[in-house]
Amino acid sequence: MSATQVSTDRAPESSSRGLVLRFDGVERAVHWLNASLFLILVGTGAALYFTPLIALVGRRRLVEEIHLYAGLALPLPVLLGLAGRWGRALRRDIGRFNRWSEADLEWLHGLVDTASGRRRSAVRPALGKFNPGQKLNAAFVAGGGLVMLGTGSLLRWYEPFPLSWRAGATFVHNWLAVLFVLVIVGHISLALADREALRSMFGGRVSRGWAARHAPAWLEEPADRP
């Protein structure tokens, strides 16, 4: 990062230290495209599931088609983001999601201690760019998304399959959708609680102070700096 960038892109709470790039343009575009598709899926899925909603909307067939093609399109932003040289940062971050450190395990143990009422250690583990909660969320979204894609496709093109398969796919698809809604609500709530992290999904950068508090191990990775 150049000295000019630091001086013109300062966070108010740490203007003397400048900013670091957390997400590049490709990562932010992938995030918001996927977020838009998820919201379309939730809205159309709710309309299809709750009869009063579809009665208000009308044109059930159109809603079904929008739901179907939004679901089929869901993997495309990630695949396109990973496809070329522009996806270097995205590939690196996916690798981070798949790596667990001792600090991650300490963080989870601390969370369990807090939930059970036991005294939590005052020493905060030195986490990387993503905390264990974010890693678990990413794993759920990736795995659950594939299951939703498979069960949704079976429900749309059901002719070759026996009735028991369709019944099972309906059960899994509906209940997994409920879990997705809960996860999405939790994700949005946590994002609103950390405004600086939320702003990084628009502008890409966070202050060095934020990074030192939340992701000190990532801050020590010089190769990740632009």
Protein backbone atom coordinates (compact mmCIF):
# COMPACT_ATOMS: atom_id res chain seq x y z
CA MET A 1 0.00 0.00 0.00
CA SER A 2 1.41 3.40 -0.91
CA ALA A 3 1.79 6.35 1.43
CA THR A 4 -0.78 8.22 -0.66
CA GLN A 5 -3.39 5.52 -0.09
CA VAL A 6 -2.83 5.59 3.63
CA SER A 7 -3.20 9.34 3.85
CA THR A 8 -6.39 9.55 1.76
CA ASP A 9 -8.20 6.46 3.08
CA ARG A 10 -8.00 6.87 6.84
CA ALA A 11 -10.45 5.52 9.39
CA PRO A 12 -11.44 8.21 11.92
CA GLU A 13 -10.52 6.09 14.94
CA SER A 14 -7.00 5.30 13.73
CA SER A 15 -6.06 8.06 11.33
CA SER A 16 -2.42 7.97 12.42
CA ARG A 17 -2.03 4.33 11.46
CA GLY A 18 -3.87 4.12 8.15
CA LEU A 19 -5.83 1.23 6.68
CA VAL A 20 -5.20 -2.27 5.44
CA LEU A 21 -7.01 -4.01 2.61
CA ARG A 22 -9.31 -6.76 3.88
CA PHE A 23 -11.32 -7.58 0.75
CA ASP A 24 -10.51 -6.65 -2.84
CA GLY A 25 -13.08 -5.70 -5.47
CA VAL A 26 -13.59 -9.27 -6.69
CA GLU A 27 -14.30 -10.57 -3.19
CA ARG A 28 -16.75 -7.77 -2.48
CA ALA A 29 -18.55 -8.32 -5.78
CA VAL A 30 -18.85 -12.06 -5.10
CA HIS A 31 -20.18 -11.37 -1.61
CA TRP A 32 -22.88 -8.94 -2.71
CA LEU A 33 -23.95 -10.99 -5.73
CA ASN A 34 -24.36 -14.04 -3.51
CA ALA A 35 -26.15 -11.97 -0.86
CA SER A 36 -28.60 -10.72 -3.50
CA LEU A 37 -29.25 -14.25 -4.76
CA PHE A 38 -29.79 -15.50 -1.19
CA LEU A 39 -32.34 -12.76 -0.54
CA ILE A 40 -34.17 -13.61 -3.77
CA LEU A 41 -34.21 -17.28 -2.76
CA VAL A 42 -35.53 -16.47 0.72
CA GLY A 43 -38.22 -14.16 -0.63
CA THR A 44 -39.43 -16.46 -3.39
CA GLY A 45 -39.14 -19.53 -1.17
CA ALA A 46 -41.28 -17.89 1.51
CA ALA A 47 -43.87 -16.92 -1.10
CA LEU A 48 -44.02 -20.49 -2.38
CA TYR A 49 -44.23 -22.04 1.08
CA PHE A 50 -46.79 -19.73 2.67
CA THR A 51 -50.05 -19.73 0.75
CA PRO A 52 -51.19 -16.21 1.83
CA LEU A 53 -47.97 -14.74 0.43
CA ILE A 54 -48.28 -16.38 -2.96
CA ALA A 55 -51.92 -15.24 -3.04
CA LEU A 56 -50.70 -11.66 -2.62
CA VAL A 57 -47.93 -12.01 -5.18
CA GLY A 58 -49.84 -14.07 -7.73
CA ARG A 59 -48.22 -15.75 -10.76
CA ARG A 60 -46.91 -18.77 -8.85
CA ARG A 61 -45.25 -20.18 -11.95
CA LEU A 62 -43.13 -17.05 -12.37
CA VAL A 63 -42.10 -17.13 -8.71
CA GLU A 64 -41.10 -20.79 -9.11
CA GLU A 65 -38.95 -19.96 -12.12
CA ILE A 66 -37.22 -17.06 -10.35
CA HIS A 67 -36.55 -19.31 -7.35
CA LEU A 68 -35.17 -22.07 -9.55
CA TYR A 69 -32.82 -19.95 -11.63
CA ALA A 70 -31.60 -17.93 -8.63
CA GLY A 71 -30.67 -21.23 -7.00
CA LEU A 72 -28.91 -22.52 -10.11
CA ALA A 73 -27.02 -19.22 -10.40
CA LEU A 74 -25.85 -19.23 -6.78
CA PRO A 75 -22.47 -20.96 -7.40
CA LEU A 76 -21.65 -18.79 -10.44
CA PRO A 77 -20.28 -15.67 -8.67
CA VAL A 78 -17.83 -17.79 -6.67
CA LEU A 79 -16.77 -19.84 -9.71
CA LEU A 80 -16.26 -16.72 -11.81
CA GLY A 81 -14.38 -15.06 -8.97
CA LEU A 82 -12.03 -18.02 -8.76
CA ALA A 83 -11.57 -18.49 -12.49
CA GLY A 84 -8.69 -16.17 -13.37
CA ARG A 85 -5.81 -14.14 -12.02
CA TRP A 86 -8.30 -11.68 -10.58
CA GLY A 87 -9.32 -14.34 -8.05
CA ARG A 88 -5.97 -14.56 -6.27
CA ALA A 89 -7.23 -12.94 -3.05
CA LEU A 90 -10.45 -14.98 -3.10
CA ARG A 91 -8.49 -18.23 -3.50
CA ARG A 92 -6.23 -17.25 -0.64
CA ASP A 93 -9.18 -16.52 1.62
CA ILE A 94 -10.89 -19.81 0.79
CA GLY A 95 -7.65 -21.48 1.84
CA ARG A 96 -7.85 -19.59 5.13
CA PHE A 97 -11.38 -20.84 5.71
CA ASN A 98 -10.10 -24.40 5.39
CA ARG A 99 -7.22 -24.01 7.87
CA TRP A 100 -7.71 -24.28 11.61
CA SER A 101 -5.08 -23.15 14.09
CA GLU A 102 -4.57 -23.69 17.81
CA ALA A 103 -5.81 -20.14 18.34
CA ASP A 104 -9.09 -21.08 16.62
CA LEU A 105 -9.55 -24.02 19.00
CA GLU A 106 -8.77 -21.80 21.98
CA TRP A 107 -11.41 -19.34 20.77
CA LEU A 108 -14.00 -22.13 20.56
CA HIS A 109 -13.07 -23.41 24.02
CA GLY A 110 -13.51 -19.89 25.38
CA LEU A 111 -16.92 -19.67 23.75
CA VAL A 112 -17.97 -22.96 25.37
CA ASP A 113 -16.66 -21.77 28.74
CA THR A 114 -18.66 -18.55 28.47
CA ALA A 115 -21.84 -20.40 27.47
CA SER A 116 -21.46 -22.82 30.38
CA GLY A 117 -20.79 -20.08 32.92
CA ARG A 118 -17.15 -21.00 33.50
CA ARG A 119 -14.56 -18.28 33.83
CA ARG A 120 -13.00 -17.36 30.54
CA SER A 121 -9.29 -16.71 30.13
CA ALA A 122 -8.36 -13.03 29.93
CA VAL A 123 -5.82 -13.78 27.19
CA ARG A 124 -7.36 -13.43 23.75
CA PRO A 125 -6.10 -15.94 21.16
CA ALA A 126 -4.27 -14.41 18.20
CA LEU A 127 -6.73 -15.19 15.41
CA GLY A 128 -6.14 -14.97 11.70
CA LYS A 129 -8.21 -13.11 9.15
CA PHE A 130 -11.36 -15.12 9.91
CA ASN A 131 -12.52 -16.28 13.31
CA PRO A 132 -13.83 -19.84 13.89
CA GLY A 133 -17.45 -18.68 13.77
CA GLN A 134 -16.90 -17.28 10.29
CA LYS A 135 -15.18 -20.49 9.22
CA LEU A 136 -18.06 -22.62 10.48
CA ASN A 137 -20.53 -20.31 8.75
CA ALA A 138 -18.62 -20.63 5.46
CA ALA A 139 -18.54 -24.43 5.78
CA PHE A 140 -22.29 -24.54 6.44
CA VAL A 141 -23.09 -22.25 3.51
CA ALA A 142 -20.89 -24.23 1.12
CA GLY A 143 -22.12 -27.67 2.19
CA GLY A 144 -25.73 -26.65 2.74
CA GLY A 145 -25.80 -24.80 -0.57
CA LEU A 146 -24.79 -27.95 -2.44
CA VAL A 147 -27.50 -29.94 -0.65
CA MET A 148 -30.08 -27.27 -1.46
CA LEU A 149 -28.98 -27.28 -5.09
CA GLY A 150 -29.29 -31.07 -5.28
CA THR A 151 -32.65 -31.35 -3.54
CA GLY A 152 -34.06 -28.35 -5.40
CA SER A 153 -33.02 -29.84 -8.75
CA LEU A 154 -34.64 -33.14 -7.80
CA LEU A 155 -37.87 -31.35 -6.92
CA ARG A 156 -37.88 -29.51 -10.24
CA TRP A 157 -36.93 -32.44 -12.48
CA TYR A 158 -38.61 -35.18 -10.47
CA GLU A 159 -39.87 -37.48 -13.23
CA PRO A 160 -37.05 -40.09 -13.13
CA PHE A 161 -37.16 -40.43 -9.34
CA PRO A 162 -39.45 -42.49 -7.07
CA LEU A 163 -41.99 -40.76 -4.85
CA SER A 164 -40.01 -41.54 -1.68
CA TRP A 165 -37.02 -39.59 -3.06
CA ARG A 166 -39.19 -36.58 -3.77
CA ALA A 167 -40.72 -36.71 -0.28
CA GLY A 168 -37.27 -36.92 1.29
CA ALA A 169 -35.95 -34.09 -0.87
CA THR A 170 -38.90 -31.89 0.11
CA PHE A 171 -38.29 -32.53 3.82
CA VAL A 172 -34.54 -31.81 3.60
CA HIS A 173 -34.99 -28.77 1.35
CA ASN A 174 -37.61 -27.13 3.56
CA TRP A 175 -35.86 -27.65 6.89
CA LEU A 176 -32.46 -26.70 5.53
CA ALA A 177 -34.06 -23.51 4.21
CA VAL A 178 -35.19 -22.70 7.76
CA LEU A 179 -31.61 -23.18 8.99
CA PHE A 180 -30.33 -20.93 6.22
CA VAL A 181 -32.75 -18.18 7.24
CA LEU A 182 -31.56 -18.42 10.85
CA VAL A 183 -27.91 -18.31 9.78
CA ILE A 184 -28.54 -15.33 7.49
CA VAL A 185 -30.32 -13.43 10.28
CA GLY A 186 -27.43 -14.17 12.62
CA HIS A 187 -24.90 -13.11 9.98
CA ILE A 188 -26.66 -9.79 9.38
CA SER A 189 -27.01 -9.14 13.12
CA LEU A 190 -23.29 -9.70 13.73
CA ALA A 191 -22.41 -7.53 10.74
CA LEU A 192 -24.53 -4.65 12.07
CA ALA A 193 -22.89 -5.03 15.48
CA ASP A 194 -19.43 -4.48 13.96
CA ARG A 195 -19.80 -1.45 11.73
CA GLU A 196 -16.15 -1.28 10.73
CA ALA A 197 -16.19 -4.88 9.50
CA LEU A 198 -19.42 -4.10 7.65
CA ARG A 199 -17.87 -1.04 6.01
CA SER A 200 -15.02 -3.23 4.75
CA MET A 201 -17.57 -5.10 2.65
CA PHE A 202 -18.20 -1.83 0.81
CA GLY A 203 -14.83 -0.09 0.82
CA GLY A 204 -12.58 -3.11 1.31
CA ARG A 205 -10.43 -1.69 4.11
CA VAL A 206 -10.27 -1.78 7.90
CA SER A 207 -8.11 0.19 10.29
CA ARG A 208 -4.94 -1.34 11.62
CA GLY A 209 -6.41 -0.95 15.10
CA TRP A 210 -9.39 -3.14 14.15
CA ALA A 211 -7.10 -5.73 12.59
CA ALA A 212 -4.84 -5.75 15.68
CA ARG A 213 -7.86 -6.42 17.93
CA HIS A 214 -9.70 -8.97 15.81
CA ALA A 215 -7.12 -10.59 13.52
CA PRO A 216 -3.58 -9.98 14.81
CA ALA A 217 -2.16 -13.09 13.12
CA TRP A 218 -3.48 -11.88 9.77
CA LEU A 219 -1.98 -8.45 10.33
CA GLU A 220 1.43 -10.10 10.64
CA GLU A 221 1.17 -11.59 7.14
CA PRO A 222 3.21 -9.14 5.01
CA ALA A 223 2.55 -11.11 1.81
CA ASP A 224 -1.16 -10.26 2.12
CA ARG A 225 -0.62 -6.53 1.86
CA PRO A 226 -1.25 -4.87 -1.51
